[in-house]
Protein backbone atom coordinates (compact mmCIF):
# COMPACT_ATOMS: atom_id res chain seq x y z
CA MET A 1 5.85 -30.49 -16.45
CA ASN A 2 5.47 -30.03 -12.64
CA ARG A 3 4.47 -26.78 -11.00
CA TYR A 4 8.06 -25.87 -10.09
CA SER A 5 9.07 -26.17 -13.75
CA ARG A 6 6.13 -24.05 -14.87
CA THR A 7 6.91 -21.40 -12.25
CA ALA A 8 10.58 -21.37 -13.20
CA ALA A 9 9.56 -20.85 -16.81
CA VAL A 10 7.50 -17.83 -15.75
CA ALA A 11 10.49 -16.50 -13.85
CA GLY A 12 12.53 -16.81 -17.03
CA ALA A 13 9.96 -14.73 -18.88
CA LEU A 14 10.32 -12.17 -16.14
CA VAL A 15 13.99 -11.84 -16.92
CA ALA A 16 13.02 -11.07 -20.50
CA GLY A 17 10.71 -8.37 -19.16
CA ALA A 18 7.61 -9.86 -20.69
CA LEU A 19 5.74 -10.81 -17.54
CA VAL A 20 7.35 -10.25 -14.18
CA CYS A 21 10.60 -9.52 -12.58
CA PRO A 22 12.78 -12.64 -11.96
CA ALA A 23 13.76 -14.43 -8.86
CA THR A 24 17.34 -15.62 -9.11
CA PRO A 25 19.33 -18.13 -7.01
CA VAL A 26 21.36 -16.50 -4.24
CA ALA A 27 24.50 -17.61 -2.47
CA ALA A 28 24.51 -18.46 1.22
CA ARG A 29 25.37 -15.62 3.56
CA ASP A 30 28.83 -15.46 5.08
CA ASP A 31 27.37 -15.64 8.62
CA GLY A 32 25.77 -19.01 7.88
CA GLY A 33 22.20 -17.77 8.37
CA LEU A 34 19.21 -18.59 6.22
CA TRP A 35 18.72 -16.32 3.24
CA GLY A 36 16.50 -15.85 0.19
CA ALA A 37 15.69 -13.05 -2.25
CA ALA A 38 13.41 -12.21 -5.15
CA THR A 39 12.28 -9.28 -7.26
CA ILE A 40 8.60 -9.60 -8.18
CA ALA A 41 6.46 -7.24 -10.26
CA PRO A 42 3.14 -5.93 -8.89
CA GLY A 43 0.30 -8.40 -9.32
CA ARG A 44 2.67 -11.24 -10.23
CA GLU A 45 4.28 -14.30 -8.64
CA GLY A 46 7.96 -15.06 -8.21
CA ILE A 47 10.19 -17.60 -6.49
CA VAL A 48 12.13 -16.96 -3.29
CA GLU A 49 14.90 -19.59 -3.18
CA VAL A 50 16.04 -20.18 0.39
CA VAL A 51 19.62 -21.29 1.04
CA GLY A 52 21.72 -21.86 4.14
CA VAL A 53 19.79 -24.76 5.71
CA GLY A 54 22.81 -27.08 5.65
CA GLU A 55 22.18 -30.54 7.12
CA VAL A 56 18.57 -31.75 7.25
CA PHE A 57 17.08 -34.43 9.49
CA GLU A 58 13.72 -36.12 9.91
CA GLY A 59 11.08 -33.97 11.54
CA ALA A 60 12.91 -30.70 10.89
CA VAL A 61 10.82 -27.79 9.60
CA LEU A 62 11.76 -24.78 7.47
CA THR A 63 9.27 -21.92 7.74
CA LEU A 64 9.02 -18.80 5.59
CA THR A 65 6.83 -15.99 6.89
CA ALA A 66 5.72 -13.77 4.01
CA PRO A 67 6.56 -10.06 4.03
CA LEU A 68 3.77 -7.63 4.82
CA GLY A 69 1.45 -7.23 1.84
CA ALA A 70 2.55 -10.41 0.09
CA ARG A 71 1.42 -14.02 0.44
CA VAL A 72 2.88 -17.45 -0.16
CA THR A 73 1.07 -19.38 -2.90
CA GLY A 74 3.16 -22.51 -3.33
CA THR A 75 5.93 -24.82 -2.11
CA PRO A 76 7.03 -26.43 -5.38
CA LEU A 77 10.08 -28.42 -4.29
CA ASP A 78 9.91 -31.69 -6.22
CA ALA A 79 12.01 -34.05 -4.09
CA SER A 80 11.31 -37.11 -1.98
CA GLY A 81 11.57 -36.76 1.78
CA TYR A 82 10.01 -33.28 1.96
CA ARG A 83 6.42 -32.15 2.42
CA GLY A 84 5.44 -28.58 1.56
CA SER A 85 2.46 -26.81 3.08
CA VAL A 86 0.97 -23.30 2.78
CA ALA A 87 -0.91 -21.81 5.73
CA ALA A 88 -4.44 -20.53 5.26
CA GLY A 89 -4.32 -17.06 3.72
CA GLY A 90 -0.72 -17.54 2.61
CA ARG A 91 0.83 -15.77 5.60
CA SER A 92 3.47 -18.49 5.87
CA ALA A 93 4.55 -21.83 4.42
CA THR A 94 6.72 -24.74 5.53
CA TYR A 95 8.81 -27.63 4.32
CA THR A 96 8.85 -30.60 6.70
CA VAL A 97 11.47 -33.35 6.41
CA THR A 98 9.42 -36.56 6.38
CA GLY A 99 12.12 -39.16 5.85
CA ALA A 100 15.64 -39.72 4.66
CA ALA A 101 16.22 -36.56 2.66
CA ALA A 102 19.25 -36.69 0.41
CA GLY A 103 21.96 -34.05 0.21
CA ARG A 104 23.08 -30.96 2.07
CA ASP A 105 22.63 -27.28 1.23
CA ARG A 106 19.46 -27.86 -0.74
CA VAL A 107 17.65 -24.85 -2.23
CA PHE A 108 14.07 -24.53 -0.98
CA PRO A 109 11.71 -22.64 -3.34
CA PHE A 110 8.70 -20.69 -2.09
CA VAL A 111 6.31 -19.00 -4.52
CA LEU A 112 5.21 -15.53 -3.39
CA ALA A 113 2.55 -13.23 -4.84
CA VAL A 114 2.91 -9.45 -4.67
CA PRO A 115 -0.25 -7.28 -4.65
CA ALA A 116 -1.15 -5.36 -7.78
CA ASP A 117 -0.98 -2.00 -5.97
CA ALA A 118 2.58 -2.52 -4.69
CA VAL A 119 4.93 0.33 -5.60
CA PRO A 120 7.88 -0.68 -7.84
CA GLY A 121 11.25 -0.23 -6.20
CA THR A 122 10.03 -0.73 -2.62
CA ARG A 123 11.34 -3.44 -0.29
CA LEU A 124 8.58 -5.43 1.41
CA ARG A 125 9.16 -5.70 5.15
CA ASP A 126 9.24 -8.55 7.65
CA CYS A 127 10.04 -11.55 5.47
CA SER A 128 11.59 -14.07 7.84
CA LEU A 129 12.99 -17.62 7.85
CA ARG A 130 13.22 -20.20 10.62
CA PHE A 131 14.60 -23.76 10.69
CA THR A 132 13.70 -25.95 13.67
CA ASP A 133 14.38 -29.55 14.67
CA ALA A 134 11.72 -32.20 15.32
CA ARG A 135 11.15 -30.81 18.83
CA GLY A 136 10.65 -27.26 17.58
CA VAL A 137 14.03 -26.03 18.80
CA PRO A 138 15.45 -23.33 16.47
CA ARG A 139 18.57 -24.44 14.57
CA ALA A 140 18.88 -21.46 12.21
CA VAL A 141 17.09 -18.20 11.46
CA GLY A 142 17.35 -15.64 8.71
CA ARG A 143 15.52 -13.25 6.47
CA CYS A 144 14.37 -12.91 2.90
CA ALA A 145 14.52 -9.80 0.74
CA VAL A 146 11.50 -9.24 -1.51
CA THR A 147 11.72 -6.21 -3.77
CA VAL A 148 8.78 -4.98 -5.84
CA GLY A 149 9.92 -5.10 -9.44
CA LEU A 150 8.47 -3.70 -12.64
CA ALA A 151 6.37 -5.44 -15.26
CA GLY A 152 7.87 -5.31 -18.72
CA PRO A 153 6.60 -2.56 -21.05
CA VAL A 154 4.70 -3.56 -24.19
CA LEU A 155 5.40 -2.28 -27.71
CA ARG A 156 2.03 -2.11 -29.53
CA ARG A 157 3.07 0.09 -32.47
CA PRO A 158 4.66 -0.12 -34.98
CA LEU A 159 3.54 -3.53 -36.19
CA SER A 160 6.10 -6.04 -37.38
CA GLY A 161 6.23 -6.64 -41.14
CA VAL A 162 4.48 -3.42 -42.16
CA PRO A 163 6.68 -0.98 -44.18
CA LEU A 164 7.18 2.19 -42.14
CA SER A 165 8.19 5.77 -42.62
CA ALA A 166 11.62 6.84 -41.37
CA ARG A 167 10.14 8.41 -38.22
CA PRO A 168 7.15 6.22 -37.27
CA LYS A 169 5.07 6.85 -34.17
CA ILE A 170 6.00 4.32 -31.49
CA SER A 171 3.54 3.49 -28.71
CA GLY A 172 2.66 0.93 -26.08
CA THR A 173 1.91 0.40 -22.40
CA ALA A 174 3.97 0.39 -19.21
CA HIS A 175 3.58 0.92 -15.47
CA PRO A 176 2.11 4.41 -14.88
CA GLY A 177 4.86 6.97 -14.34
CA ALA A 178 7.64 4.76 -15.68
CA LYS A 179 10.29 6.35 -17.89
CA VAL A 180 10.23 4.55 -21.23
CA THR A 181 13.17 4.52 -23.64
CA VAL A 182 12.98 2.89 -27.08
CA ARG A 183 16.20 1.57 -28.62
CA ASP A 184 16.99 0.19 -32.07
CA LYS A 185 19.01 -2.87 -33.14
CA ASP A 186 22.28 -1.00 -32.62
CA ASP A 187 21.22 0.02 -29.09
CA ARG A 188 20.79 3.63 -30.17
CA GLU A 189 18.09 5.62 -28.44
CA ALA A 190 15.17 6.28 -30.79
CA CYS A 191 12.95 8.21 -28.38
CA ARG A 192 11.90 8.45 -24.76
CA THR A 193 8.81 9.44 -22.81
CA THR A 194 6.86 8.81 -19.58
CA ALA A 195 3.91 6.46 -19.23
CA ALA A 196 0.62 8.25 -18.52
CA PRO A 197 -1.57 7.47 -15.46
CA ASP A 198 -3.49 4.94 -17.57
CA GLY A 199 -0.23 3.22 -18.54
CA THR A 200 -0.15 4.32 -22.19
CA TRP A 201 2.86 5.99 -23.79
CA ALA A 202 3.91 7.22 -27.23
CA CYS A 203 6.93 8.90 -28.80
CA THR A 204 8.40 9.70 -32.22
CA PRO A 205 12.06 9.15 -33.14
CA GLY A 206 14.11 12.34 -33.19
CA ALA A 207 16.37 11.04 -35.93
CA ALA A 208 15.15 9.15 -38.98
CA PHE A 209 15.69 5.41 -39.14
CA PRO A 210 17.75 4.22 -42.11
CA ALA A 211 15.87 2.28 -44.79
CA GLY A 212 15.76 -1.47 -44.33
CA ALA A 213 15.39 -3.91 -41.47
CA ASN A 214 15.59 -2.75 -37.88
CA ARG A 215 14.55 -3.91 -34.44
CA LEU A 216 12.95 -2.00 -31.58
CA GLN A 217 12.82 -2.68 -27.87
CA ALA A 218 11.42 -0.60 -25.01
CA VAL A 219 13.03 -0.23 -21.59
CA ALA A 220 10.94 0.98 -18.63
CA ALA A 221 12.46 2.32 -15.40
CA LEU A 222 10.90 3.51 -12.14
CA ASN A 223 12.28 3.98 -8.61
CA GLY A 224 15.52 2.14 -9.34
CA VAL A 225 14.03 -0.96 -11.00
CA SER A 226 13.70 -1.62 -14.71
CA ALA A 227 12.26 -4.07 -17.24
CA ILE A 228 12.43 -4.59 -20.98
CA SER A 229 9.86 -5.42 -23.63
CA GLU A 230 9.95 -8.11 -26.25
CA GLN A 231 11.77 -7.08 -29.43
CA VAL A 232 9.78 -6.04 -32.50
CA ASP A 233 11.26 -6.43 -35.98
CA ILE A 234 10.42 -3.57 -38.34
CA VAL A 235 11.14 -2.57 -41.94
CA VAL A 236 11.64 1.05 -42.92
CA ALA A 237 10.66 1.81 -46.52
CA PRO A 238 13.13 3.67 -48.78
CA ALA A 239 12.61 7.42 -48.98
CA GLY A 240 9.89 8.38 -51.45
CA GLU A 241 7.94 5.13 -51.24
CA ASP A 242 4.36 5.21 -49.97
CA GLN A 243 3.77 3.97 -46.43
């Protein structure tokens, strides 16, 4: 598996809320300019996929300048005729057309890292794109939108496979200050709370769970962005049985 495949797999986990927020493919802008976007959780990496280049030719260069506070960590395009390079410190990165590159409207992936202290929901400034010919003459310019996402919350209790009471204590971790809502298999709200400054949270269902199998999942939200946890299968013991 090449690095692009591994990074894409991480992005998929982001969508599930387990690791980071995803970077998804974006359509070209109506004005024909270069464009790319990603939502990346603090302390994580994500992929900005740049579109709008159109026709490519030998010696042409596509440059992404990272937004303030972020850095480029990789140029994982796996295709002949292109050479990726990351500048020292990750302030920018380029793809250079080195030969007969096939196809038009190719998507160019850049891997960006967002600092751990970035505030979820904020838009990082000054992410720019530039496409020049072999002589350095600009052929297209554009921008990229990098939004700080939210790492997925974690459900630590209850444990899967352990018989529970009808109103078990539910706890886990999330980004400090995030609003956490726990839902069951029927998407009913079990309880809600706010993550403490150390990232821990706990709540107890207001209504009793019915006996039998159930499934819990936590949703965290902060400043307009959200993420979900992995699902946890639970079993609620019949009333009167010891837990």
